[in-house]
Protein backbone atom coordinates (compact mmCIF):
# COMPACT_ATOMS: atom_id res chain seq x y z
CA MET A 1 36.47 13.63 0.33
CA LYS A 2 37.33 12.64 3.88
CA CYS A 3 40.10 10.24 4.86
CA THR A 4 37.61 7.57 5.93
CA GLU A 5 36.02 7.57 2.48
CA PHE A 6 39.43 7.51 0.83
CA LEU A 7 40.62 4.62 2.98
CA SER A 8 37.42 2.68 2.31
CA MET A 9 38.31 2.94 -1.39
CA LEU A 10 41.98 2.00 -0.96
CA ASP A 11 41.63 -1.24 -2.94
CA GLU A 12 40.18 0.64 -5.90
CA VAL A 13 42.83 3.35 -5.56
CA ILE A 14 45.64 0.79 -5.61
CA ASP A 15 44.11 -1.07 -8.56
CA GLU A 16 43.01 2.17 -10.22
CA SER A 17 39.61 0.55 -10.73
CA PHE A 18 37.42 3.50 -9.87
CA ALA A 19 35.05 5.48 -12.08
CA ALA A 20 36.56 8.33 -14.09
CA GLU A 21 34.58 10.96 -12.17
CA THR A 22 36.06 9.65 -8.92
CA ARG A 23 39.65 10.10 -10.11
CA GLU A 24 39.59 13.88 -9.68
CA ARG A 25 38.20 13.65 -6.14
CA ILE A 26 40.85 11.08 -5.19
CA GLU A 27 43.68 13.11 -6.70
CA ARG A 28 42.48 16.29 -4.93
CA HIS A 29 42.33 14.46 -1.62
CA ILE A 30 45.79 12.92 -1.98
CA HIS A 31 47.19 16.33 -2.94
CA LYS A 32 45.70 17.90 0.22
CA CYS A 33 46.27 15.02 2.63
CA GLY A 34 49.84 13.93 3.21
CA HIS A 35 48.71 11.09 5.47
CA CYS A 36 46.61 9.42 2.76
CA GLU A 37 49.35 10.01 0.20
CA VAL A 38 51.79 8.15 2.45
CA VAL A 39 49.26 5.33 3.00
CA VAL A 40 48.70 4.78 -0.72
CA ASN A 41 52.40 5.04 -1.62
CA THR A 42 53.47 2.73 1.21
CA THR A 43 50.77 0.21 0.35
CA LYS A 44 51.84 0.18 -3.31
CA GLN A 45 55.48 -0.29 -2.31
CA THR A 46 54.59 -3.10 0.09
CA ILE A 47 52.63 -4.91 -2.61
CA GLN A 48 55.58 -4.60 -5.00
CA ILE A 49 57.98 -5.98 -2.40
CA PHE A 50 55.77 -8.97 -1.65
CA GLN A 51 55.18 -9.71 -5.32
CA CYS A 52 58.93 -9.93 -5.88
CA HIS A 53 59.73 -12.31 -3.03
CA GLU A 54 58.88 -15.84 -2.15
CA ILE A 55 56.37 -16.56 0.57
CA VAL A 56 57.86 -17.64 3.88
CA GLU A 57 55.68 -19.63 6.25
CA PHE A 58 55.94 -18.74 9.92
CA PRO A 59 55.87 -21.52 12.48
CA THR A 60 52.35 -21.92 13.85
CA SER A 61 53.31 -20.78 17.35
CA LEU A 62 54.91 -17.58 16.03
CA ARG A 63 51.99 -16.87 13.70
CA ASP A 64 49.50 -17.38 16.56
CA ARG A 65 51.44 -15.09 18.92
CA LEU A 66 51.81 -12.42 16.26
CA HIS A 67 48.10 -12.57 15.44
CA GLN A 68 47.16 -12.33 19.11
CA ASN A 69 49.47 -9.36 19.67
CA ILE A 70 47.98 -7.55 16.68
CA MET A 71 44.44 -8.23 17.86
CA ASP A 72 45.29 -7.10 21.40
CA ARG A 73 46.83 -3.89 20.09
CA CYS A 74 43.81 -3.18 17.86
CA ALA A 75 41.46 -3.69 20.82
CA GLN A 76 43.63 -1.41 22.96
CA VAL A 77 43.60 1.36 20.34
CA LYS A 78 39.85 0.96 19.84
CA ARG A 79 39.24 1.30 23.60
CA SER A 80 41.43 4.39 23.82
CA THR A 81 39.59 6.12 20.97
CA SER A 82 36.10 5.26 22.20
């Protein structure tokens, strides 16, 4: 299993909603790949944190600026890897 395949299945990995035969492949990959292990553990921890706290609404201007900065950064990274 490659990281891209693993990451495309991240929702199923988090929810543990994958087929039984896939479990072994996922576990082997996580055991070999520290990066993907960190991604899945961090994602699980983030979900737990957000489930335990109330939702805070950002002011529209802050939310818009944050969204634009994220989109700009993603475009910048995409250009640099192309």
